[in-house]
Structures are given as structure tokens and as C-alpha cells.
Amino acid sequence: MQTTTTGEIVIVPRNFKLLDELETSEKGTGGQSDMTLSYGLVDPEDTFLSNWQANIIGPQNTPFDNRFYSILITCTDEYPSSPPLIKFVSKINLPCVNQRDGKIIENKLPATKNWNRQMGIYDVLVGIKQQMSMPANRKLPQPGEAEEFS
């Protein structure tokens, strides 16, 4: 959704938004300067731009420091009106992650709980990284580095 100079509200179609996000992720533009976050399509031939993969390198001076976390992202037909579905492949212990299957619990992650159409995949990844840096979450015991959700 964008506002024109005349005050009209224009809703950007799903594929246009996702194409913009893909270009931004590939070129590292649009103010997305955090080099510890990366994302892109699982299959470059995915014409619906639905299935994405992401990686987060854990924040320094935390239990997540220098750990590499793999994430799968699904942008449903409702995206960007609804947030993407996020599932950790790498095991991680955070209150916003279901410990049985690695899926993000939407109402426990501010980036998904407070979702709006202007947000994107990068915003969710930043939100996850912020959760890793929170003092309360720094005290949580973490699984071994090579462990994965099934």
C-alpha cells in the first residue's frame, strides 16, 4: 500500500512486493545493510515467489554469537496482508519459537504480531535477531549447533 501525491491509496499487488523484496535481497539495497541477515528464493524458478530461505548469524556477545541459523519462509496468497510463515530449520530456544516444530509463534514475535503491509521478510528477520539480543533471552539454554527441527 502506497499513498500517491494526490492522497490516493494504492495497494501494491503481492507479486510486485515480492519481486521488490527479491531484488533488494539480491542487491543488498533499500537500507538493508545488516550483513548477518540473508534471504532469497529456495528455487529461482518459483514463479509464485512463495518459498524462501534465510540465514541469520547470531548477534555478538550472546549465546547465539557466530552461530548460523537456517530458516524457511512461506509467503502465502495473503502476503503482504498477512505476515509470512516462518520456520527455523536450525534448533533455537526463543519464546517466539515453537520448540516442537521450529515455527514462529506469530503473537510472540513483535514483527509478526504488529504486522502491516509495509513490512517485509527483512523486517521479520530483524525482529528475530532483536529477540536474540534481548537480555531475558540471553539466559536461555541453547541446543547444540548442528541440531535441527524435524
N, C-alpha and C. Protein backbone atom coordinates (compact mmCIF):
# COMPACT_ATOMS: atom_id res chain seq x y z
N MET A 1 0.84 -1.17 0.00
CA MET A 1 0.00 0.00 0.00
C MET A 1 0.89 1.24 0.00
N GLN A 2 0.63 2.14 -0.90
CA GLN A 2 1.38 3.38 -1.00
C GLN A 2 0.40 4.52 -1.20
N THR A 3 0.82 5.70 -0.80
CA THR A 3 -0.02 6.88 -0.99
C THR A 3 0.56 7.72 -2.11
N THR A 4 -0.29 8.14 -3.04
CA THR A 4 0.17 8.98 -4.15
C THR A 4 0.23 10.43 -3.70
N THR A 5 0.75 11.29 -4.56
CA THR A 5 0.85 12.72 -4.23
C THR A 5 -0.53 13.36 -4.07
N THR A 6 -1.55 12.74 -4.65
CA THR A 6 -2.91 13.28 -4.51
C THR A 6 -3.63 12.70 -3.30
N GLY A 7 -2.95 11.85 -2.53
CA GLY A 7 -3.53 11.27 -1.33
C GLY A 7 -4.26 9.97 -1.56
N GLU A 8 -4.25 9.47 -2.80
CA GLU A 8 -4.89 8.20 -3.09
C GLU A 8 -4.05 7.05 -2.50
N ILE A 9 -4.73 6.03 -2.02
CA ILE A 9 -4.04 4.86 -1.51
C ILE A 9 -4.01 3.79 -2.60
N VAL A 10 -2.79 3.31 -2.89
CA VAL A 10 -2.59 2.29 -3.92
C VAL A 10 -2.09 1.03 -3.23
N ILE A 11 -2.78 -0.07 -3.44
CA ILE A 11 -2.36 -1.34 -2.87
C ILE A 11 -1.46 -2.04 -3.87
N VAL A 12 -0.22 -2.28 -3.47
CA VAL A 12 0.76 -2.94 -4.34
C VAL A 12 0.46 -4.44 -4.34
N PRO A 13 0.28 -5.03 -5.54
CA PRO A 13 -0.01 -6.46 -5.61
C PRO A 13 1.11 -7.32 -5.01
N ARG A 14 0.73 -8.50 -4.53
CA ARG A 14 1.63 -9.44 -3.87
C ARG A 14 2.91 -9.67 -4.67
N ASN A 15 2.78 -10.04 -5.95
CA ASN A 15 3.97 -10.37 -6.73
C ASN A 15 4.90 -9.18 -6.93
N PHE A 16 4.36 -7.98 -7.07
CA PHE A 16 5.20 -6.79 -7.20
C PHE A 16 6.00 -6.57 -5.92
N LYS A 17 5.33 -6.72 -4.78
CA LYS A 17 6.01 -6.55 -3.49
C LYS A 17 7.12 -7.59 -3.35
N LEU A 18 6.80 -8.85 -3.69
CA LEU A 18 7.80 -9.90 -3.55
C LEU A 18 8.95 -9.75 -4.55
N LEU A 19 8.67 -9.30 -5.75
CA LEU A 19 9.74 -9.03 -6.71
C LEU A 19 10.67 -7.94 -6.19
N ASP A 20 10.09 -6.92 -5.58
CA ASP A 20 10.88 -5.84 -4.98
C ASP A 20 11.75 -6.39 -3.85
N GLU A 21 11.17 -7.25 -3.02
CA GLU A 21 11.94 -7.85 -1.92
C GLU A 21 13.06 -8.74 -2.45
N LEU A 22 12.78 -9.48 -3.52
CA LEU A 22 13.81 -10.34 -4.11
C LEU A 22 14.96 -9.49 -4.63
N GLU A 23 14.65 -8.44 -5.35
CA GLU A 23 15.69 -7.56 -5.88
C GLU A 23 16.51 -6.94 -4.74
N THR A 24 15.82 -6.51 -3.70
CA THR A 24 16.50 -5.91 -2.56
C THR A 24 17.43 -6.92 -1.89
N SER A 25 16.95 -8.17 -1.74
CA SER A 25 17.78 -9.18 -1.08
C SER A 25 19.00 -9.55 -1.92
N GLU A 26 18.82 -9.58 -3.24
CA GLU A 26 19.93 -9.96 -4.11
C GLU A 26 20.97 -8.85 -4.24
N LYS A 27 20.51 -7.59 -4.23
CA LYS A 27 21.43 -6.47 -4.43
C LYS A 27 21.86 -5.82 -3.13
N GLY A 28 21.20 -6.17 -2.02
CA GLY A 28 21.56 -5.57 -0.74
C GLY A 28 21.26 -4.08 -0.68
N THR A 29 20.15 -3.68 -1.31
CA THR A 29 19.78 -2.26 -1.35
C THR A 29 18.60 -2.01 -0.41
N GLY A 30 18.09 -0.81 -0.43
CA GLY A 30 16.89 -0.48 0.33
C GLY A 30 17.12 -0.33 1.82
N GLY A 31 18.32 0.01 2.23
CA GLY A 31 18.59 0.22 3.65
C GLY A 31 18.79 -1.07 4.42
N GLN A 32 18.90 -2.17 3.72
CA GLN A 32 19.08 -3.47 4.37
C GLN A 32 20.57 -3.78 4.45
N SER A 33 21.21 -3.17 5.41
CA SER A 33 22.67 -3.23 5.46
C SER A 33 23.21 -4.26 6.45
N ASP A 34 22.36 -5.00 7.15
CA ASP A 34 22.83 -5.97 8.13
C ASP A 34 23.37 -7.20 7.40
N MET A 35 24.69 -7.33 7.39
CA MET A 35 25.34 -8.42 6.64
C MET A 35 25.20 -9.77 7.34
N THR A 36 24.61 -9.80 8.55
CA THR A 36 24.40 -11.07 9.24
C THR A 36 23.04 -11.68 8.91
N LEU A 37 22.28 -11.00 8.03
CA LEU A 37 20.98 -11.49 7.58
C LEU A 37 21.02 -11.68 6.07
N SER A 38 20.55 -12.81 5.60
CA SER A 38 20.45 -13.02 4.16
C SER A 38 19.19 -13.83 3.86
N TYR A 39 18.62 -13.60 2.67
CA TYR A 39 17.43 -14.33 2.27
C TYR A 39 17.27 -14.30 0.77
N GLY A 40 16.58 -15.31 0.26
CA GLY A 40 16.32 -15.41 -1.17
C GLY A 40 15.39 -16.58 -1.43
N LEU A 41 15.02 -16.75 -2.68
CA LEU A 41 14.12 -17.84 -3.05
C LEU A 41 14.81 -19.20 -2.89
N VAL A 42 14.05 -20.20 -2.46
CA VAL A 42 14.57 -21.56 -2.39
C VAL A 42 14.86 -22.05 -3.80
N ASP A 43 13.91 -21.80 -4.72
CA ASP A 43 14.03 -22.21 -6.11
C ASP A 43 13.90 -20.97 -6.99
N PRO A 44 14.95 -20.59 -7.71
CA PRO A 44 14.88 -19.40 -8.57
C PRO A 44 13.77 -19.48 -9.62
N GLU A 45 13.26 -20.68 -9.90
CA GLU A 45 12.20 -20.85 -10.88
C GLU A 45 10.80 -20.73 -10.26
N ASP A 46 10.72 -20.44 -8.97
CA ASP A 46 9.44 -20.31 -8.26
C ASP A 46 8.73 -19.04 -8.74
N THR A 47 7.86 -19.18 -9.73
CA THR A 47 7.19 -18.02 -10.33
C THR A 47 6.19 -17.37 -9.39
N PHE A 48 5.75 -18.09 -8.35
CA PHE A 48 4.81 -17.52 -7.38
C PHE A 48 5.53 -16.83 -6.23
N LEU A 49 6.86 -16.96 -6.18
CA LEU A 49 7.68 -16.31 -5.15
C LEU A 49 7.20 -16.67 -3.74
N SER A 50 6.87 -17.92 -3.54
CA SER A 50 6.27 -18.36 -2.28
C SER A 50 7.28 -18.88 -1.26
N ASN A 51 8.28 -19.63 -1.70
CA ASN A 51 9.17 -20.33 -0.78
C ASN A 51 10.56 -19.69 -0.75
N TRP A 52 10.92 -19.22 0.43
CA TRP A 52 12.17 -18.51 0.64
C TRP A 52 12.99 -19.22 1.70
N GLN A 53 14.26 -18.95 1.68
CA GLN A 53 15.16 -19.42 2.73
C GLN A 53 15.93 -18.22 3.25
N ALA A 54 16.28 -18.29 4.51
CA ALA A 54 17.02 -17.18 5.12
C ALA A 54 18.07 -17.74 6.07
N ASN A 55 19.04 -16.92 6.35
CA ASN A 55 20.08 -17.27 7.31
C ASN A 55 20.34 -16.07 8.21
N ILE A 56 20.54 -16.38 9.48
CA ILE A 56 20.91 -15.36 10.45
C ILE A 56 22.17 -15.83 11.15
N ILE A 57 23.15 -14.95 11.22
CA ILE A 57 24.32 -15.21 12.05
C ILE A 57 24.02 -14.53 13.38
N GLY A 58 24.08 -15.31 14.45
CA GLY A 58 23.69 -14.81 15.77
C GLY A 58 24.47 -13.57 16.20
N PRO A 59 23.81 -12.69 16.98
CA PRO A 59 24.44 -11.45 17.43
C PRO A 59 25.64 -11.71 18.34
N GLN A 60 26.62 -10.83 18.25
CA GLN A 60 27.82 -10.94 19.06
C GLN A 60 27.49 -10.77 20.54
N ASN A 61 28.30 -11.40 21.36
CA ASN A 61 28.21 -11.32 22.82
C ASN A 61 26.87 -11.83 23.35
N THR A 62 26.33 -12.83 22.67
CA THR A 62 25.13 -13.51 23.12
C THR A 62 25.39 -15.01 22.99
N PRO A 63 24.53 -15.86 23.56
CA PRO A 63 24.70 -17.31 23.36
C PRO A 63 24.56 -17.73 21.89
N PHE A 64 24.03 -16.84 21.07
CA PHE A 64 23.83 -17.11 19.64
C PHE A 64 25.03 -16.67 18.80
N ASP A 65 26.02 -16.06 19.44
CA ASP A 65 27.19 -15.47 18.78
C ASP A 65 27.84 -16.45 17.81
N ASN A 66 27.98 -15.99 16.55
CA ASN A 66 28.64 -16.75 15.49
C ASN A 66 27.97 -18.07 15.13
N ARG A 67 26.76 -18.28 15.62
CA ARG A 67 26.01 -19.46 15.19
C ARG A 67 25.24 -19.10 13.92
N PHE A 68 25.08 -20.07 13.08
CA PHE A 68 24.44 -19.89 11.77
C PHE A 68 23.06 -20.56 11.84
N TYR A 69 22.00 -19.76 11.73
CA TYR A 69 20.64 -20.26 11.83
C TYR A 69 19.96 -20.25 10.47
N SER A 70 19.44 -21.42 10.06
CA SER A 70 18.73 -21.55 8.78
C SER A 70 17.23 -21.49 9.04
N ILE A 71 16.53 -20.78 8.16
CA ILE A 71 15.10 -20.53 8.31
C ILE A 71 14.41 -20.74 6.97
N LEU A 72 13.21 -21.31 7.00
CA LEU A 72 12.37 -21.41 5.82
C LEU A 72 11.21 -20.43 5.97
N ILE A 73 10.86 -19.77 4.89
CA ILE A 73 9.82 -18.74 4.90
C ILE A 73 8.83 -19.05 3.79
N THR A 74 7.55 -18.99 4.12
CA THR A 74 6.50 -19.19 3.13
C THR A 74 5.65 -17.93 3.05
N CYS A 75 5.57 -17.36 1.87
CA CYS A 75 4.69 -16.22 1.63
C CYS A 75 3.42 -16.77 1.00
N THR A 76 2.36 -16.79 1.78
CA THR A 76 1.09 -17.35 1.32
C THR A 76 0.41 -16.39 0.35
N ASP A 77 -0.73 -16.80 -0.16
CA ASP A 77 -1.51 -15.93 -1.06
C ASP A 77 -1.96 -14.65 -0.36
N GLU A 78 -2.03 -14.67 0.98
CA GLU A 78 -2.48 -13.50 1.74
C GLU A 78 -1.36 -12.48 1.97
N TYR A 79 -0.12 -12.85 1.65
CA TYR A 79 1.01 -11.93 1.83
C TYR A 79 0.90 -10.80 0.80
N PRO A 80 1.15 -9.56 1.12
CA PRO A 80 1.66 -9.00 2.38
C PRO A 80 0.58 -8.54 3.36
N SER A 81 -0.68 -8.88 3.11
CA SER A 81 -1.71 -8.52 4.09
C SER A 81 -1.51 -9.29 5.39
N SER A 82 -0.97 -10.49 5.29
CA SER A 82 -0.63 -11.32 6.45
C SER A 82 0.87 -11.57 6.43
N PRO A 83 1.48 -11.76 7.60
CA PRO A 83 2.93 -11.98 7.63
C PRO A 83 3.29 -13.33 7.01
N PRO A 84 4.54 -13.47 6.61
CA PRO A 84 4.97 -14.77 6.08
C PRO A 84 5.01 -15.80 7.21
N LEU A 85 4.94 -17.06 6.84
CA LEU A 85 5.09 -18.15 7.80
C LEU A 85 6.57 -18.44 7.93
N ILE A 86 7.05 -18.50 9.16
CA ILE A 86 8.48 -18.66 9.42
C ILE A 86 8.71 -19.96 10.19
N LYS A 87 9.70 -20.74 9.74
CA LYS A 87 10.06 -21.98 10.43
C LYS A 87 11.57 -22.10 10.50
N PHE A 88 12.08 -22.23 11.69
CA PHE A 88 13.51 -22.48 11.87
C PHE A 88 13.82 -23.91 11.47
N VAL A 89 14.91 -24.09 10.71
CA VAL A 89 15.45 -25.41 10.43
C VAL A 89 16.42 -25.73 11.56
N SER A 90 17.29 -24.78 11.87
CA SER A 90 18.25 -24.93 12.98
C SER A 90 17.51 -24.80 14.30
N LYS A 91 17.85 -25.66 15.24
CA LYS A 91 17.21 -25.56 16.56
C LYS A 91 17.68 -24.30 17.26
N ILE A 92 16.72 -23.66 17.92
CA ILE A 92 16.98 -22.44 18.68
C ILE A 92 15.96 -22.38 19.80
N ASN A 93 16.34 -21.86 20.93
CA ASN A 93 15.44 -21.71 22.06
C ASN A 93 15.12 -20.23 22.25
N LEU A 94 13.96 -19.82 21.78
CA LEU A 94 13.43 -18.47 21.97
C LEU A 94 11.94 -18.60 22.31
N PRO A 95 11.39 -17.70 23.11
CA PRO A 95 9.97 -17.78 23.45
C PRO A 95 9.04 -17.68 22.24
N CYS A 96 9.49 -17.08 21.16
CA CYS A 96 8.65 -16.93 19.97
C CYS A 96 8.74 -18.11 19.01
N VAL A 97 9.49 -19.15 19.38
CA VAL A 97 9.67 -20.32 18.51
C VAL A 97 9.07 -21.55 19.19
N ASN A 98 8.16 -22.23 18.48
CA ASN A 98 7.59 -23.48 18.97
C ASN A 98 8.71 -24.51 19.02
N GLN A 99 8.95 -25.07 20.20
CA GLN A 99 10.08 -25.98 20.38
C GLN A 99 9.84 -27.37 19.80
N ARG A 100 8.61 -27.67 19.38
CA ARG A 100 8.34 -28.97 18.75
C ARG A 100 8.68 -28.96 17.26
N ASP A 101 8.35 -27.84 16.57
CA ASP A 101 8.49 -27.85 15.12
C ASP A 101 9.30 -26.69 14.54
N GLY A 102 9.72 -25.74 15.37
CA GLY A 102 10.55 -24.64 14.90
C GLY A 102 9.78 -23.48 14.29
N LYS A 103 8.44 -23.55 14.31
CA LYS A 103 7.64 -22.48 13.71
C LYS A 103 7.55 -21.29 14.65
N ILE A 104 7.58 -20.09 14.04
CA ILE A 104 7.42 -18.87 14.81
C ILE A 104 5.99 -18.81 15.33
N ILE A 105 5.84 -18.43 16.59
CA ILE A 105 4.53 -18.20 17.18
C ILE A 105 4.23 -16.72 16.95
N GLU A 106 3.34 -16.45 15.99
CA GLU A 106 3.12 -15.09 15.49
C GLU A 106 2.83 -14.06 16.57
N ASN A 107 2.03 -14.43 17.57
CA ASN A 107 1.68 -13.43 18.59
C ASN A 107 2.78 -13.23 19.64
N LYS A 108 3.89 -13.95 19.52
CA LYS A 108 5.00 -13.76 20.45
C LYS A 108 6.21 -13.06 19.83
N LEU A 109 6.12 -12.79 18.53
CA LEU A 109 7.19 -12.05 17.84
C LEU A 109 6.61 -10.70 17.42
N PRO A 110 7.09 -9.59 17.98
CA PRO A 110 6.51 -8.29 17.65
C PRO A 110 6.41 -8.00 16.15
N ALA A 111 7.38 -8.45 15.37
CA ALA A 111 7.36 -8.18 13.92
C ALA A 111 6.17 -8.85 13.23
N THR A 112 5.73 -9.99 13.71
CA THR A 112 4.56 -10.65 13.11
C THR A 112 3.27 -10.25 13.82
N LYS A 113 3.37 -10.05 15.12
CA LYS A 113 2.19 -9.64 15.89
C LYS A 113 1.68 -8.27 15.42
N ASN A 114 2.60 -7.35 15.12
CA ASN A 114 2.26 -5.99 14.71
C ASN A 114 2.40 -5.79 13.20
N TRP A 115 2.22 -6.83 12.46
CA TRP A 115 2.44 -6.83 11.01
C TRP A 115 1.55 -5.82 10.30
N ASN A 116 2.12 -5.18 9.25
CA ASN A 116 1.32 -4.36 8.33
C ASN A 116 1.91 -4.53 6.93
N ARG A 117 1.17 -4.09 5.92
CA ARG A 117 1.55 -4.31 4.51
C ARG A 117 2.88 -3.66 4.11
N GLN A 118 3.33 -2.66 4.87
CA GLN A 118 4.59 -2.00 4.52
C GLN A 118 5.79 -2.84 4.96
N MET A 119 5.57 -3.81 5.82
CA MET A 119 6.66 -4.64 6.31
C MET A 119 6.99 -5.74 5.30
N GLY A 120 8.14 -6.37 5.50
CA GLY A 120 8.56 -7.43 4.59
C GLY A 120 9.36 -8.49 5.31
N ILE A 121 9.90 -9.41 4.55
CA ILE A 121 10.69 -10.52 5.09
C ILE A 121 11.85 -10.00 5.93
N TYR A 122 12.54 -9.01 5.43
CA TYR A 122 13.69 -8.45 6.15
C TYR A 122 13.28 -7.97 7.54
N ASP A 123 12.11 -7.34 7.65
CA ASP A 123 11.65 -6.84 8.95
C ASP A 123 11.45 -7.98 9.95
N VAL A 124 10.96 -9.12 9.47
CA VAL A 124 10.79 -10.27 10.35
C VAL A 124 12.15 -10.79 10.80
N LEU A 125 13.10 -10.87 9.88
CA LEU A 125 14.44 -11.34 10.24
C LEU A 125 15.10 -10.42 11.26
N VAL A 126 14.95 -9.12 11.08
CA VAL A 126 15.48 -8.14 12.05
C VAL A 126 14.79 -8.36 13.40
N GLY A 127 13.49 -8.60 13.38
CA GLY A 127 12.74 -8.84 14.62
C GLY A 127 13.23 -10.08 15.35
N ILE A 128 13.54 -11.13 14.61
CA ILE A 128 14.07 -12.35 15.22
C ILE A 128 15.43 -12.06 15.85
N LYS A 129 16.27 -11.35 15.12
CA LYS A 129 17.60 -11.03 15.64
C LYS A 129 17.50 -10.16 16.90
N GLN A 130 16.54 -9.25 16.93
CA GLN A 130 16.32 -8.44 18.13
C GLN A 130 15.95 -9.32 19.31
N GLN A 131 15.14 -10.35 19.06
CA GLN A 131 14.78 -11.28 20.14
C GLN A 131 16.01 -11.99 20.67
N MET A 132 16.95 -12.33 19.80
CA MET A 132 18.18 -12.98 20.23
C MET A 132 19.01 -12.08 21.15
N SER A 133 18.89 -10.77 20.96
CA SER A 133 19.69 -9.82 21.73
C SER A 133 19.05 -9.38 23.04
N MET A 134 17.78 -9.74 23.25
CA MET A 134 17.09 -9.32 24.47
C MET A 134 17.73 -9.96 25.70
N PRO A 135 17.94 -9.17 26.77
CA PRO A 135 18.59 -9.71 27.97
C PRO A 135 17.94 -10.99 28.51
N ALA A 136 16.63 -11.06 28.55
CA ALA A 136 15.97 -12.26 29.08
C ALA A 136 16.26 -13.48 28.22
N ASN A 137 16.38 -13.30 26.91
CA ASN A 137 16.63 -14.43 26.01
C ASN A 137 18.09 -14.85 25.99
N ARG A 138 18.97 -13.98 26.44
CA ARG A 138 20.39 -14.33 26.50
C ARG A 138 20.66 -15.41 27.55
N LYS A 139 19.74 -15.56 28.49
CA LYS A 139 19.92 -16.52 29.58
C LYS A 139 19.37 -17.90 29.25
N LEU A 140 18.66 -18.02 28.14
CA LEU A 140 18.05 -19.30 27.78
C LEU A 140 19.10 -20.31 27.32
N PRO A 141 19.02 -21.56 27.82
CA PRO A 141 19.96 -22.58 27.32
C PRO A 141 19.67 -22.86 25.84
N GLN A 142 20.72 -23.06 25.07
CA GLN A 142 20.57 -23.28 23.63
C GLN A 142 20.99 -24.70 23.25
N PRO A 143 20.31 -25.27 22.26
CA PRO A 143 20.70 -26.61 21.78
C PRO A 143 22.06 -26.57 21.09
N GLY A 144 22.59 -27.74 20.80
CA GLY A 144 23.87 -27.83 20.10
C GLY A 144 23.78 -27.20 18.72
N GLU A 145 24.92 -26.76 18.22
CA GLU A 145 24.96 -26.01 16.95
C GLU A 145 24.44 -26.78 15.75
N ALA A 146 24.63 -28.06 15.69
CA ALA A 146 24.24 -28.82 14.49
C ALA A 146 22.82 -29.38 14.58
N GLU A 147 22.11 -29.15 15.67
CA GLU A 147 20.78 -29.73 15.84
C GLU A 147 19.76 -29.01 14.97
N GLU A 148 18.79 -29.80 14.45
CA GLU A 148 17.75 -29.26 13.59
C GLU A 148 16.37 -29.73 14.04
N PHE A 149 15.36 -28.91 13.74
CA PHE A 149 13.98 -29.33 13.96
C PHE A 149 13.62 -30.33 12.87
N SER A 150 12.74 -31.27 13.21
CA SER A 150 12.35 -32.26 12.18
C SER A 150 11.11 -31.83 11.44
